[in-house]
């Protein structure tokens, strides 16, 4: 598939719900999202339609209801979103983002251990 349009914050929230609960109707997505924040049913419906139009979701009819399913994996969307961010903000240079995440966002001890393991694996050519 070609390059998809980026997701808005609201679309990303709805996509996360689809990843979490799997195929679902608008009502199910709305109920799940409403546990996190106040959102109108029609807004959820609009976001789901946009996700489908942009290629992030698909839908099928089940009686009178439309059931939406994610067409992309979270990892794919994360990669595409971060790649676009790095290109737009840093001209493709990843170190400013890495530096920001480590210095400004902070890391816990277990995060540092995981980062060391990742660096070790990369140096060993895995």
N, C-alpha and C. Protein backbone atom coordinates (compact mmCIF):
# COMPACT_ATOMS: atom_id res chain seq x y z
N UNK A 1 0.85 -1.17 0.00
CA UNK A 1 0.00 0.00 0.00
C UNK A 1 0.89 1.23 0.00
N UNK A 2 0.44 2.28 -0.67
CA UNK A 2 1.20 3.52 -0.73
C UNK A 2 1.16 4.27 0.58
N UNK A 3 1.70 5.47 0.54
CA UNK A 3 1.77 6.29 1.74
C UNK A 3 0.37 6.75 2.15
N UNK A 4 0.03 6.52 3.41
CA UNK A 4 -1.28 6.91 3.95
C UNK A 4 -1.19 8.30 4.54
N UNK A 5 -2.31 9.04 4.53
CA UNK A 5 -2.33 10.32 5.23
C UNK A 5 -2.13 10.12 6.73
N UNK A 6 -1.52 11.08 7.38
CA UNK A 6 -1.28 10.99 8.83
C UNK A 6 -2.61 11.02 9.58
N UNK A 7 -2.58 10.49 10.80
CA UNK A 7 -3.77 10.49 11.65
C UNK A 7 -3.79 11.70 12.56
N UNK A 8 -4.97 12.25 12.78
CA UNK A 8 -5.14 13.31 13.77
C UNK A 8 -5.11 12.65 15.16
N UNK A 9 -5.05 13.46 16.19
CA UNK A 9 -5.04 12.95 17.56
C UNK A 9 -6.29 12.12 17.84
N UNK A 10 -7.46 12.62 17.44
CA UNK A 10 -8.70 11.89 17.67
C UNK A 10 -8.76 10.59 16.90
N UNK A 11 -8.30 10.61 15.65
CA UNK A 11 -8.27 9.39 14.85
C UNK A 11 -7.35 8.36 15.48
N UNK A 12 -6.23 8.81 16.01
CA UNK A 12 -5.28 7.90 16.65
C UNK A 12 -5.91 7.26 17.89
N UNK A 13 -6.67 8.05 18.66
CA UNK A 13 -7.35 7.49 19.84
C UNK A 13 -8.32 6.39 19.44
N UNK A 14 -9.08 6.61 18.38
CA UNK A 14 -10.04 5.62 17.91
C UNK A 14 -9.31 4.40 17.36
N UNK A 15 -8.23 4.61 16.64
CA UNK A 15 -7.44 3.48 16.14
C UNK A 15 -6.92 2.63 17.30
N UNK A 16 -6.48 3.27 18.37
CA UNK A 16 -6.00 2.53 19.55
C UNK A 16 -7.10 1.65 20.12
N UNK A 17 -8.32 2.17 20.14
CA UNK A 17 -9.45 1.38 20.65
C UNK A 17 -9.66 0.16 19.76
N UNK A 18 -9.62 0.33 18.44
CA UNK A 18 -9.78 -0.82 17.54
C UNK A 18 -8.68 -1.85 17.77
N UNK A 19 -7.45 -1.40 17.98
CA UNK A 19 -6.36 -2.33 18.26
C UNK A 19 -6.60 -3.07 19.57
N UNK A 20 -7.16 -2.36 20.53
CA UNK A 20 -7.38 -2.93 21.86
C UNK A 20 -8.52 -3.94 21.87
N UNK A 21 -9.67 -3.58 21.29
CA UNK A 21 -10.86 -4.43 21.42
C UNK A 21 -11.14 -5.28 20.18
N UNK A 22 -10.44 -5.00 19.09
CA UNK A 22 -10.67 -5.76 17.87
C UNK A 22 -11.88 -5.23 17.12
N UNK A 23 -12.36 -6.00 16.15
CA UNK A 23 -13.48 -5.54 15.35
C UNK A 23 -14.66 -5.12 16.23
N UNK A 24 -15.23 -3.95 15.91
CA UNK A 24 -16.29 -3.42 16.76
C UNK A 24 -17.16 -2.44 15.99
N UNK A 25 -18.37 -2.30 16.47
CA UNK A 25 -19.28 -1.31 15.92
C UNK A 25 -19.01 0.05 16.55
N UNK A 26 -19.64 1.07 16.01
CA UNK A 26 -19.45 2.43 16.50
C UNK A 26 -19.80 2.50 17.99
N UNK A 27 -20.90 1.85 18.39
CA UNK A 27 -21.33 1.91 19.79
C UNK A 27 -20.27 1.35 20.73
N UNK A 28 -19.67 0.22 20.37
CA UNK A 28 -18.64 -0.38 21.22
C UNK A 28 -17.42 0.53 21.32
N UNK A 29 -17.01 1.09 20.19
CA UNK A 29 -15.86 1.99 20.20
C UNK A 29 -16.18 3.22 21.05
N UNK A 30 -17.38 3.75 20.90
CA UNK A 30 -17.79 4.93 21.67
C UNK A 30 -17.79 4.63 23.16
N UNK A 31 -18.35 3.48 23.55
CA UNK A 31 -18.39 3.11 24.97
C UNK A 31 -16.99 2.97 25.55
N UNK A 32 -16.10 2.33 24.81
CA UNK A 32 -14.72 2.15 25.29
C UNK A 32 -14.01 3.49 25.41
N UNK A 33 -14.14 4.33 24.40
CA UNK A 33 -13.48 5.64 24.42
C UNK A 33 -14.07 6.54 25.48
N UNK A 34 -15.38 6.41 25.74
CA UNK A 34 -16.05 7.24 26.75
C UNK A 34 -15.55 6.95 28.16
N UNK A 35 -14.95 5.79 28.37
CA UNK A 35 -14.36 5.47 29.67
C UNK A 35 -13.12 6.32 29.92
N UNK A 36 -12.49 6.80 28.84
CA UNK A 36 -11.25 7.57 28.95
C UNK A 36 -11.52 9.07 28.93
N UNK A 37 -12.51 9.49 28.13
CA UNK A 37 -12.82 10.91 28.02
C UNK A 37 -14.22 11.10 27.44
N UNK A 38 -14.76 12.28 27.60
CA UNK A 38 -16.07 12.58 27.04
C UNK A 38 -15.94 12.80 25.54
N UNK A 39 -16.75 12.08 24.78
CA UNK A 39 -16.72 12.20 23.32
C UNK A 39 -18.10 11.86 22.78
N UNK A 40 -18.52 12.59 21.78
CA UNK A 40 -19.82 12.41 21.18
C UNK A 40 -19.83 11.18 20.27
N UNK A 41 -20.95 10.47 20.24
CA UNK A 41 -21.12 9.30 19.39
C UNK A 41 -20.85 9.63 17.92
N UNK A 42 -21.40 10.73 17.45
CA UNK A 42 -21.23 11.12 16.05
C UNK A 42 -19.77 11.41 15.72
N UNK A 43 -19.03 11.92 16.69
CA UNK A 43 -17.60 12.18 16.48
C UNK A 43 -16.84 10.87 16.29
N UNK A 44 -17.17 9.88 17.10
CA UNK A 44 -16.54 8.56 16.96
C UNK A 44 -16.86 7.98 15.58
N UNK A 45 -18.11 8.12 15.18
CA UNK A 45 -18.53 7.63 13.87
C UNK A 45 -17.73 8.31 12.74
N UNK A 46 -17.56 9.60 12.86
CA UNK A 46 -16.78 10.36 11.88
C UNK A 46 -15.33 9.89 11.84
N UNK A 47 -14.72 9.72 13.02
CA UNK A 47 -13.34 9.24 13.07
C UNK A 47 -13.20 7.86 12.43
N UNK A 48 -14.14 6.96 12.69
CA UNK A 48 -14.08 5.63 12.09
C UNK A 48 -14.17 5.70 10.57
N UNK A 49 -15.05 6.54 10.07
CA UNK A 49 -15.16 6.70 8.61
C UNK A 49 -13.87 7.25 8.03
N UNK A 50 -13.25 8.21 8.74
CA UNK A 50 -11.98 8.77 8.26
C UNK A 50 -10.88 7.71 8.27
N UNK A 51 -10.84 6.89 9.32
CA UNK A 51 -9.84 5.82 9.39
C UNK A 51 -9.99 4.88 8.20
N UNK A 52 -11.23 4.58 7.85
CA UNK A 52 -11.47 3.71 6.71
C UNK A 52 -11.04 4.40 5.41
N UNK A 53 -11.41 5.64 5.24
CA UNK A 53 -11.07 6.39 4.02
C UNK A 53 -9.55 6.52 3.86
N UNK A 54 -8.84 6.68 4.98
CA UNK A 54 -7.38 6.83 4.92
C UNK A 54 -6.64 5.50 4.81
N UNK A 55 -7.36 4.38 4.93
CA UNK A 55 -6.74 3.08 4.79
C UNK A 55 -6.27 2.43 6.07
N UNK A 56 -6.64 2.99 7.21
CA UNK A 56 -6.22 2.42 8.50
C UNK A 56 -7.23 1.43 9.06
N UNK A 57 -8.46 1.42 8.51
CA UNK A 57 -9.51 0.52 8.97
C UNK A 57 -10.32 0.06 7.77
N UNK A 58 -11.05 -1.02 7.98
CA UNK A 58 -12.00 -1.50 6.98
C UNK A 58 -13.31 -1.75 7.72
N UNK A 59 -14.38 -1.90 6.97
CA UNK A 59 -15.66 -2.16 7.62
C UNK A 59 -16.47 -3.15 6.80
N UNK A 60 -17.41 -3.76 7.48
CA UNK A 60 -18.35 -4.68 6.85
C UNK A 60 -19.71 -4.51 7.52
N UNK A 61 -20.73 -4.86 6.80
CA UNK A 61 -22.08 -4.78 7.34
C UNK A 61 -22.38 -6.03 8.16
N UNK A 62 -23.04 -5.82 9.29
CA UNK A 62 -23.54 -6.91 10.12
C UNK A 62 -24.97 -6.52 10.49
N UNK A 63 -25.91 -6.92 9.68
CA UNK A 63 -27.28 -6.45 9.86
C UNK A 63 -27.34 -4.97 9.52
N UNK A 64 -27.82 -4.18 10.46
CA UNK A 64 -27.89 -2.73 10.25
C UNK A 64 -26.62 -2.02 10.72
N UNK A 65 -25.80 -2.73 11.46
CA UNK A 65 -24.58 -2.11 12.02
C UNK A 65 -23.40 -2.28 11.06
N UNK A 66 -22.46 -1.37 11.19
CA UNK A 66 -21.21 -1.45 10.45
C UNK A 66 -20.13 -1.82 11.47
N UNK A 67 -19.37 -2.87 11.17
CA UNK A 67 -18.30 -3.34 12.05
C UNK A 67 -16.97 -2.91 11.46
N UNK A 68 -16.18 -2.21 12.25
CA UNK A 68 -14.88 -1.70 11.81
C UNK A 68 -13.76 -2.57 12.37
N UNK A 69 -12.75 -2.78 11.54
CA UNK A 69 -11.56 -3.53 11.93
C UNK A 69 -10.32 -2.74 11.53
N UNK A 70 -9.28 -2.85 12.34
CA UNK A 70 -8.01 -2.20 12.01
C UNK A 70 -7.40 -2.91 10.80
N UNK A 71 -6.86 -2.14 9.87
CA UNK A 71 -6.16 -2.71 8.71
C UNK A 71 -4.65 -2.61 8.87
N UNK A 72 -4.22 -1.89 9.88
CA UNK A 72 -2.79 -1.71 10.12
C UNK A 72 -2.47 -2.13 11.55
N UNK A 73 -1.25 -2.56 11.74
CA UNK A 73 -0.79 -2.93 13.08
C UNK A 73 -0.27 -1.68 13.78
N UNK A 74 -0.37 -1.66 15.10
CA UNK A 74 0.14 -0.49 15.84
C UNK A 74 1.60 -0.18 15.50
N UNK A 75 2.41 -1.20 15.39
CA UNK A 75 3.84 -0.99 15.11
C UNK A 75 4.06 -0.27 13.77
N UNK A 76 3.23 -0.61 12.78
CA UNK A 76 3.33 0.02 11.46
C UNK A 76 2.98 1.50 11.55
N UNK A 77 1.91 1.80 12.27
CA UNK A 77 1.47 3.20 12.41
C UNK A 77 2.50 3.99 13.20
N UNK A 78 3.05 3.40 14.25
CA UNK A 78 4.08 4.08 15.04
C UNK A 78 5.28 4.39 14.14
N UNK A 79 5.73 3.39 13.38
CA UNK A 79 6.89 3.59 12.50
C UNK A 79 6.63 4.71 11.49
N UNK A 80 5.47 4.68 10.84
CA UNK A 80 5.15 5.69 9.84
C UNK A 80 5.06 7.09 10.48
N UNK A 81 4.44 7.17 11.65
CA UNK A 81 4.26 8.46 12.33
C UNK A 81 5.59 9.02 12.79
N UNK A 82 6.44 8.18 13.38
CA UNK A 82 7.74 8.64 13.86
C UNK A 82 8.65 9.00 12.68
N UNK A 83 8.61 8.20 11.64
CA UNK A 83 9.43 8.51 10.46
C UNK A 83 9.05 9.88 9.89
N UNK A 84 7.75 10.15 9.80
CA UNK A 84 7.28 11.43 9.28
C UNK A 84 7.70 12.58 10.20
N UNK A 85 7.61 12.35 11.51
CA UNK A 85 8.01 13.36 12.50
C UNK A 85 9.50 13.67 12.40
N UNK A 86 10.32 12.63 12.32
CA UNK A 86 11.77 12.81 12.22
C UNK A 86 12.12 13.55 10.95
N UNK A 87 11.48 13.20 9.87
CA UNK A 87 11.76 13.88 8.60
C UNK A 87 11.34 15.35 8.67
N UNK A 88 10.14 15.60 9.19
CA UNK A 88 9.60 16.97 9.20
C UNK A 88 10.34 17.87 10.19
N UNK A 89 10.60 17.38 11.40
CA UNK A 89 11.22 18.22 12.42
C UNK A 89 12.73 18.25 12.38
N UNK A 90 13.36 17.12 11.99
CA UNK A 90 14.80 17.02 12.11
C UNK A 90 15.50 16.74 10.79
N UNK A 91 14.80 16.88 9.68
CA UNK A 91 15.41 16.63 8.38
C UNK A 91 15.95 15.23 8.22
N UNK A 92 15.34 14.27 8.92
CA UNK A 92 15.75 12.87 8.81
C UNK A 92 16.79 12.43 9.82
N UNK A 93 17.35 13.36 10.60
CA UNK A 93 18.37 13.04 11.61
C UNK A 93 17.68 12.56 12.88
N UNK A 94 17.93 11.32 13.29
CA UNK A 94 17.24 10.74 14.45
C UNK A 94 17.83 11.14 15.80
N UNK A 95 19.10 11.51 15.85
CA UNK A 95 19.73 11.79 17.14
C UNK A 95 19.07 12.91 17.93
N UNK A 96 18.61 14.00 17.32
CA UNK A 96 17.93 15.02 18.13
C UNK A 96 16.69 14.46 18.84
N UNK A 97 15.97 13.57 18.17
CA UNK A 97 14.80 12.96 18.81
C UNK A 97 15.22 12.04 19.94
N UNK A 98 16.22 11.21 19.70
CA UNK A 98 16.71 10.30 20.74
C UNK A 98 17.20 11.10 21.95
N UNK A 99 17.97 12.15 21.68
CA UNK A 99 18.49 12.99 22.75
C UNK A 99 17.33 13.61 23.56
N UNK A 100 16.32 14.11 22.85
CA UNK A 100 15.16 14.70 23.53
C UNK A 100 14.46 13.66 24.41
N UNK A 101 14.26 12.48 23.87
CA UNK A 101 13.56 11.45 24.64
C UNK A 101 14.33 11.05 25.89
N UNK A 102 15.65 10.97 25.78
CA UNK A 102 16.47 10.56 26.92
C UNK A 102 16.63 11.70 27.92
N UNK A 103 16.98 12.88 27.44
CA UNK A 103 17.30 13.98 28.35
C UNK A 103 16.06 14.71 28.87
N UNK A 104 15.12 15.01 27.98
CA UNK A 104 13.98 15.83 28.38
C UNK A 104 12.80 15.02 28.91
N UNK A 105 12.59 13.84 28.39
CA UNK A 105 11.47 13.02 28.83
C UNK A 105 11.87 12.11 29.99
N UNK A 106 13.14 11.82 30.08
CA UNK A 106 13.64 11.01 31.19
C UNK A 106 13.41 9.53 30.97
N UNK A 107 14.29 8.75 31.55
CA UNK A 107 14.20 7.29 31.49
C UNK A 107 14.32 6.72 32.89
N UNK A 108 13.57 5.68 33.15
CA UNK A 108 13.66 4.94 34.40
C UNK A 108 14.83 3.96 34.28
N UNK A 109 15.27 3.41 35.41
CA UNK A 109 16.39 2.48 35.41
C UNK A 109 16.13 1.29 34.49
N UNK A 110 14.90 0.75 34.51
CA UNK A 110 14.60 -0.40 33.64
C UNK A 110 14.61 0.00 32.16
N UNK A 111 14.26 1.26 31.87
CA UNK A 111 14.33 1.76 30.49
C UNK A 111 15.79 1.80 30.02
N UNK A 112 16.67 2.27 30.91
CA UNK A 112 18.10 2.33 30.56
C UNK A 112 18.66 0.93 30.32
N UNK A 113 18.24 -0.03 31.15
CA UNK A 113 18.69 -1.42 30.97
C UNK A 113 18.23 -1.95 29.61
N UNK A 114 16.99 -1.67 29.26
CA UNK A 114 16.45 -2.12 27.97
C UNK A 114 17.19 -1.45 26.81
N UNK A 115 17.50 -0.16 26.97
CA UNK A 115 18.24 0.57 25.94
C UNK A 115 19.64 -0.01 25.77
N UNK A 116 20.30 -0.34 26.88
CA UNK A 116 21.63 -0.95 26.80
C UNK A 116 21.59 -2.29 26.07
N UNK A 117 20.56 -3.09 26.37
CA UNK A 117 20.41 -4.39 25.70
C UNK A 117 20.19 -4.18 24.20
N UNK A 118 19.39 -3.21 23.85
CA UNK A 118 19.14 -2.92 22.43
C UNK A 118 20.42 -2.50 21.72
N UNK A 119 21.19 -1.62 22.35
CA UNK A 119 22.46 -1.18 21.76
C UNK A 119 23.42 -2.35 21.62
N UNK A 120 23.50 -3.21 22.66
CA UNK A 120 24.37 -4.39 22.60
C UNK A 120 23.98 -5.30 21.43
N UNK A 121 22.67 -5.54 21.27
CA UNK A 121 22.21 -6.40 20.17
C UNK A 121 22.55 -5.77 18.82
N UNK A 122 22.39 -4.47 18.70
CA UNK A 122 22.70 -3.79 17.44
C UNK A 122 24.18 -3.87 17.13
N UNK A 123 25.03 -3.75 18.15
CA UNK A 123 26.47 -3.83 17.95
C UNK A 123 26.91 -5.24 17.57
N UNK A 124 26.17 -6.24 18.03
CA UNK A 124 26.49 -7.63 17.70
C UNK A 124 25.91 -8.05 16.35
N UNK A 125 25.18 -7.13 15.72
CA UNK A 125 24.65 -7.39 14.39
C UNK A 125 23.36 -8.18 14.34
N UNK A 126 22.63 -8.20 15.41
CA UNK A 126 21.36 -8.96 15.41
C UNK A 126 20.27 -8.19 14.73
